[in-house]
Amino acid sequence: MTNILKHNLCTFIEIVEHLHKAASTVSWHLKRLKKAGLISVKYGGEYQLYQIMNPGLVADILYNYKESFLDAAVNNYTQIVEEL
């Protein structure tokens, strides 16, 4: 998502391709982000263009809630143990 923050406007297709998620999943999240006022949608011809309203705030949120490397390692180890 941080790469998307560097762009001023992104199409729905660009976001889906970047996130490697189903279009329906991306759509669900984008609707909630728009409702929360974090993104805006501009309609230009056949494309919907998405823009982050406050990139600094979004970057701070991502930084504060990003899983640390140690957290990821512990979670992966725990999952492996549980699957045994």
N, C-alpha and C. Protein backbone atom coordinates (compact mmCIF):
# COMPACT_ATOMS: atom_id res chain seq x y z
N MET A 1 0.83 -1.20 0.00
CA MET A 1 0.00 0.00 0.00
C MET A 1 0.87 1.25 0.00
N THR A 2 2.07 1.14 0.55
CA THR A 2 2.89 2.35 0.62
C THR A 2 3.26 2.85 -0.76
N ASN A 3 3.39 1.96 -1.76
CA ASN A 3 3.67 2.43 -3.12
C ASN A 3 2.50 3.22 -3.67
N ILE A 4 1.29 2.85 -3.31
CA ILE A 4 0.11 3.57 -3.77
C ILE A 4 0.09 4.98 -3.18
N LEU A 5 0.64 5.14 -1.98
CA LEU A 5 0.67 6.46 -1.35
C LEU A 5 1.50 7.45 -2.16
N LYS A 6 2.45 6.95 -2.93
CA LYS A 6 3.34 7.83 -3.70
C LYS A 6 2.65 8.41 -4.93
N HIS A 7 1.54 7.83 -5.35
CA HIS A 7 0.82 8.30 -6.53
C HIS A 7 -0.32 9.21 -6.11
N ASN A 8 -0.59 10.20 -6.91
CA ASN A 8 -1.67 11.12 -6.60
C ASN A 8 -3.03 10.48 -6.83
N LEU A 9 -3.19 9.80 -7.97
CA LEU A 9 -4.45 9.15 -8.31
C LEU A 9 -4.17 7.73 -8.79
N CYS A 10 -5.04 6.79 -8.40
CA CYS A 10 -4.91 5.41 -8.85
C CYS A 10 -6.26 4.92 -9.33
N THR A 11 -6.24 4.12 -10.38
CA THR A 11 -7.48 3.50 -10.83
C THR A 11 -7.76 2.26 -9.98
N PHE A 12 -8.99 1.81 -10.05
CA PHE A 12 -9.38 0.61 -9.33
C PHE A 12 -8.52 -0.58 -9.76
N ILE A 13 -8.29 -0.71 -11.05
CA ILE A 13 -7.49 -1.82 -11.58
C ILE A 13 -6.07 -1.77 -11.05
N GLU A 14 -5.48 -0.58 -11.00
CA GLU A 14 -4.11 -0.45 -10.46
C GLU A 14 -4.05 -0.91 -9.01
N ILE A 15 -5.06 -0.55 -8.23
CA ILE A 15 -5.08 -0.93 -6.81
C ILE A 15 -5.22 -2.44 -6.68
N VAL A 16 -6.13 -3.04 -7.45
CA VAL A 16 -6.33 -4.49 -7.41
C VAL A 16 -5.05 -5.22 -7.79
N GLU A 17 -4.40 -4.78 -8.86
CA GLU A 17 -3.17 -5.42 -9.31
C GLU A 17 -2.04 -5.28 -8.29
N HIS A 18 -1.97 -4.13 -7.65
CA HIS A 18 -0.92 -3.89 -6.67
C HIS A 18 -1.11 -4.75 -5.42
N LEU A 19 -2.35 -4.89 -4.99
CA LEU A 19 -2.63 -5.60 -3.74
C LEU A 19 -2.73 -7.12 -3.92
N HIS A 20 -2.90 -7.57 -5.15
CA HIS A 20 -3.06 -9.01 -5.42
C HIS A 20 -4.22 -9.61 -4.62
N LYS A 21 -5.31 -8.89 -4.58
CA LYS A 21 -6.54 -9.33 -3.90
C LYS A 21 -7.68 -9.35 -4.90
N ALA A 22 -8.74 -10.06 -4.56
CA ALA A 22 -9.92 -10.10 -5.42
C ALA A 22 -10.52 -8.71 -5.55
N ALA A 23 -11.07 -8.42 -6.72
CA ALA A 23 -11.68 -7.12 -6.96
C ALA A 23 -12.79 -6.84 -5.95
N SER A 24 -13.55 -7.87 -5.59
CA SER A 24 -14.64 -7.68 -4.63
C SER A 24 -14.11 -7.30 -3.25
N THR A 25 -12.98 -7.86 -2.87
CA THR A 25 -12.36 -7.53 -1.57
C THR A 25 -11.88 -6.08 -1.58
N VAL A 26 -11.21 -5.68 -2.65
CA VAL A 26 -10.71 -4.31 -2.77
C VAL A 26 -11.88 -3.33 -2.77
N SER A 27 -12.92 -3.65 -3.50
CA SER A 27 -14.10 -2.78 -3.56
C SER A 27 -14.72 -2.60 -2.18
N TRP A 28 -14.82 -3.68 -1.43
CA TRP A 28 -15.40 -3.64 -0.08
C TRP A 28 -14.60 -2.67 0.80
N HIS A 29 -13.29 -2.79 0.75
CA HIS A 29 -12.43 -1.93 1.58
C HIS A 29 -12.45 -0.48 1.11
N LEU A 30 -12.43 -0.27 -0.21
CA LEU A 30 -12.46 1.09 -0.73
C LEU A 30 -13.74 1.82 -0.34
N LYS A 31 -14.85 1.12 -0.34
CA LYS A 31 -16.12 1.74 0.07
C LYS A 31 -16.04 2.20 1.53
N ARG A 32 -15.44 1.41 2.38
CA ARG A 32 -15.31 1.78 3.79
C ARG A 32 -14.32 2.91 3.99
N LEU A 33 -13.23 2.90 3.23
CA LEU A 33 -12.26 3.99 3.32
C LEU A 33 -12.88 5.31 2.86
N LYS A 34 -13.71 5.24 1.81
CA LYS A 34 -14.40 6.44 1.34
C LYS A 34 -15.38 6.94 2.39
N LYS A 35 -16.14 6.04 2.97
CA LYS A 35 -17.12 6.42 4.00
C LYS A 35 -16.42 7.05 5.21
N ALA A 36 -15.22 6.58 5.52
CA ALA A 36 -14.45 7.12 6.65
C ALA A 36 -13.78 8.45 6.30
N GLY A 37 -13.84 8.85 5.04
CA GLY A 37 -13.23 10.10 4.62
C GLY A 37 -11.74 10.02 4.37
N LEU A 38 -11.19 8.81 4.27
CA LEU A 38 -9.76 8.67 4.04
C LEU A 38 -9.39 8.75 2.56
N ILE A 39 -10.33 8.42 1.68
CA ILE A 39 -10.08 8.52 0.25
C ILE A 39 -11.24 9.25 -0.41
N SER A 40 -10.96 9.76 -1.60
CA SER A 40 -12.02 10.35 -2.42
C SER A 40 -12.03 9.61 -3.75
N VAL A 41 -13.15 9.68 -4.43
CA VAL A 41 -13.29 9.03 -5.73
C VAL A 41 -13.67 10.08 -6.75
N LYS A 42 -12.93 10.11 -7.84
CA LYS A 42 -13.23 11.01 -8.95
C LYS A 42 -13.61 10.14 -10.14
N TYR A 43 -14.65 10.54 -10.81
CA TYR A 43 -15.11 9.78 -11.96
C TYR A 43 -14.65 10.49 -13.23
N GLY A 44 -13.80 9.81 -13.97
CA GLY A 44 -13.27 10.39 -15.20
C GLY A 44 -13.48 9.45 -16.37
N GLY A 45 -14.53 9.65 -17.11
CA GLY A 45 -14.81 8.77 -18.24
C GLY A 45 -15.17 7.38 -17.76
N GLU A 46 -14.42 6.40 -18.26
CA GLU A 46 -14.72 5.02 -17.88
C GLU A 46 -13.98 4.57 -16.62
N TYR A 47 -13.16 5.43 -16.04
CA TYR A 47 -12.36 5.07 -14.87
C TYR A 47 -12.82 5.78 -13.62
N GLN A 48 -12.70 5.08 -12.51
CA GLN A 48 -12.84 5.71 -11.20
C GLN A 48 -11.43 5.93 -10.69
N LEU A 49 -11.12 7.14 -10.29
CA LEU A 49 -9.80 7.47 -9.79
C LEU A 49 -9.87 7.68 -8.28
N TYR A 50 -9.05 6.97 -7.57
CA TYR A 50 -9.03 7.03 -6.11
C TYR A 50 -7.85 7.86 -5.64
N GLN A 51 -8.10 8.68 -4.64
CA GLN A 51 -7.07 9.56 -4.11
C GLN A 51 -7.14 9.53 -2.59
N ILE A 52 -5.99 9.44 -1.96
CA ILE A 52 -5.92 9.49 -0.50
C ILE A 52 -6.06 10.95 -0.08
N MET A 53 -6.99 11.21 0.83
CA MET A 53 -7.28 12.58 1.26
C MET A 53 -6.17 13.16 2.13
N ASN A 54 -5.61 12.36 3.02
CA ASN A 54 -4.57 12.83 3.93
C ASN A 54 -3.45 11.79 3.95
N PRO A 55 -2.53 11.86 2.99
CA PRO A 55 -1.47 10.84 2.90
C PRO A 55 -0.64 10.71 4.17
N GLY A 56 -0.39 11.81 4.86
CA GLY A 56 0.39 11.75 6.10
C GLY A 56 -0.31 10.94 7.17
N LEU A 57 -1.61 11.13 7.32
CA LEU A 57 -2.38 10.38 8.30
C LEU A 57 -2.40 8.90 7.95
N VAL A 58 -2.61 8.57 6.69
CA VAL A 58 -2.64 7.17 6.26
C VAL A 58 -1.28 6.52 6.47
N ALA A 59 -0.20 7.23 6.15
CA ALA A 59 1.14 6.69 6.37
C ALA A 59 1.39 6.42 7.85
N ASP A 60 0.94 7.34 8.71
CA ASP A 60 1.09 7.13 10.16
C ASP A 60 0.31 5.91 10.63
N ILE A 61 -0.91 5.75 10.13
CA ILE A 61 -1.73 4.59 10.51
C ILE A 61 -1.05 3.30 10.07
N LEU A 62 -0.57 3.26 8.83
CA LEU A 62 0.11 2.06 8.34
C LEU A 62 1.37 1.77 9.15
N TYR A 63 2.11 2.80 9.49
CA TYR A 63 3.34 2.61 10.26
C TYR A 63 3.03 2.07 11.65
N ASN A 64 2.02 2.64 12.30
CA ASN A 64 1.70 2.24 13.67
C ASN A 64 1.12 0.84 13.76
N TYR A 65 0.44 0.39 12.72
CA TYR A 65 -0.22 -0.91 12.78
C TYR A 65 0.45 -1.99 11.96
N LYS A 66 1.56 -1.65 11.31
CA LYS A 66 2.28 -2.63 10.52
C LYS A 66 2.89 -3.68 11.44
N GLU A 67 2.66 -4.91 11.06
CA GLU A 67 3.20 -6.01 11.84
C GLU A 67 4.73 -5.99 11.75
N SER A 68 5.37 -6.08 12.89
CA SER A 68 6.83 -6.07 12.89
C SER A 68 7.35 -7.41 12.39
N PHE A 69 8.61 -7.43 12.01
CA PHE A 69 9.23 -8.67 11.55
C PHE A 69 9.16 -9.73 12.64
N LEU A 70 9.43 -9.34 13.88
CA LEU A 70 9.39 -10.30 14.99
C LEU A 70 7.98 -10.84 15.18
N ASP A 71 6.97 -9.98 15.10
CA ASP A 71 5.58 -10.43 15.21
C ASP A 71 5.25 -11.44 14.12
N ALA A 72 5.69 -11.16 12.91
CA ALA A 72 5.41 -12.07 11.79
C ALA A 72 6.10 -13.41 12.00
N ALA A 73 7.34 -13.38 12.48
CA ALA A 73 8.07 -14.63 12.73
C ALA A 73 7.37 -15.45 13.81
N VAL A 74 6.94 -14.81 14.88
CA VAL A 74 6.24 -15.52 15.96
C VAL A 74 4.92 -16.09 15.45
N ASN A 75 4.18 -15.31 14.70
CA ASN A 75 2.91 -15.79 14.15
C ASN A 75 3.11 -16.98 13.22
N ASN A 76 4.13 -16.92 12.37
CA ASN A 76 4.41 -18.03 11.46
C ASN A 76 4.82 -19.27 12.23
N TYR A 77 5.65 -19.10 13.24
CA TYR A 77 6.08 -20.24 14.07
C TYR A 77 4.88 -20.86 14.77
N THR A 78 4.02 -20.02 15.33
CA THR A 78 2.84 -20.50 16.02
C THR A 78 1.93 -21.28 15.06
N GLN A 79 1.77 -20.77 13.86
CA GLN A 79 0.92 -21.46 12.87
C GLN A 79 1.51 -22.81 12.52
N ILE A 80 2.81 -22.88 12.35
CA ILE A 80 3.46 -24.15 12.02
C ILE A 80 3.27 -25.16 13.14
N VAL A 81 3.45 -24.74 14.38
CA VAL A 81 3.28 -25.63 15.54
C VAL A 81 1.84 -26.12 15.62
N GLU A 82 0.89 -25.22 15.40
CA GLU A 82 -0.53 -25.60 15.48
C GLU A 82 -0.90 -26.62 14.39
N GLU A 83 -0.23 -26.56 13.26
CA GLU A 83 -0.54 -27.47 12.16
C GLU A 83 0.07 -28.86 12.36
N LEU A 84 0.98 -29.00 13.31
CA LEU A 84 1.61 -30.31 13.56
C LEU A 84 0.69 -31.27 14.24
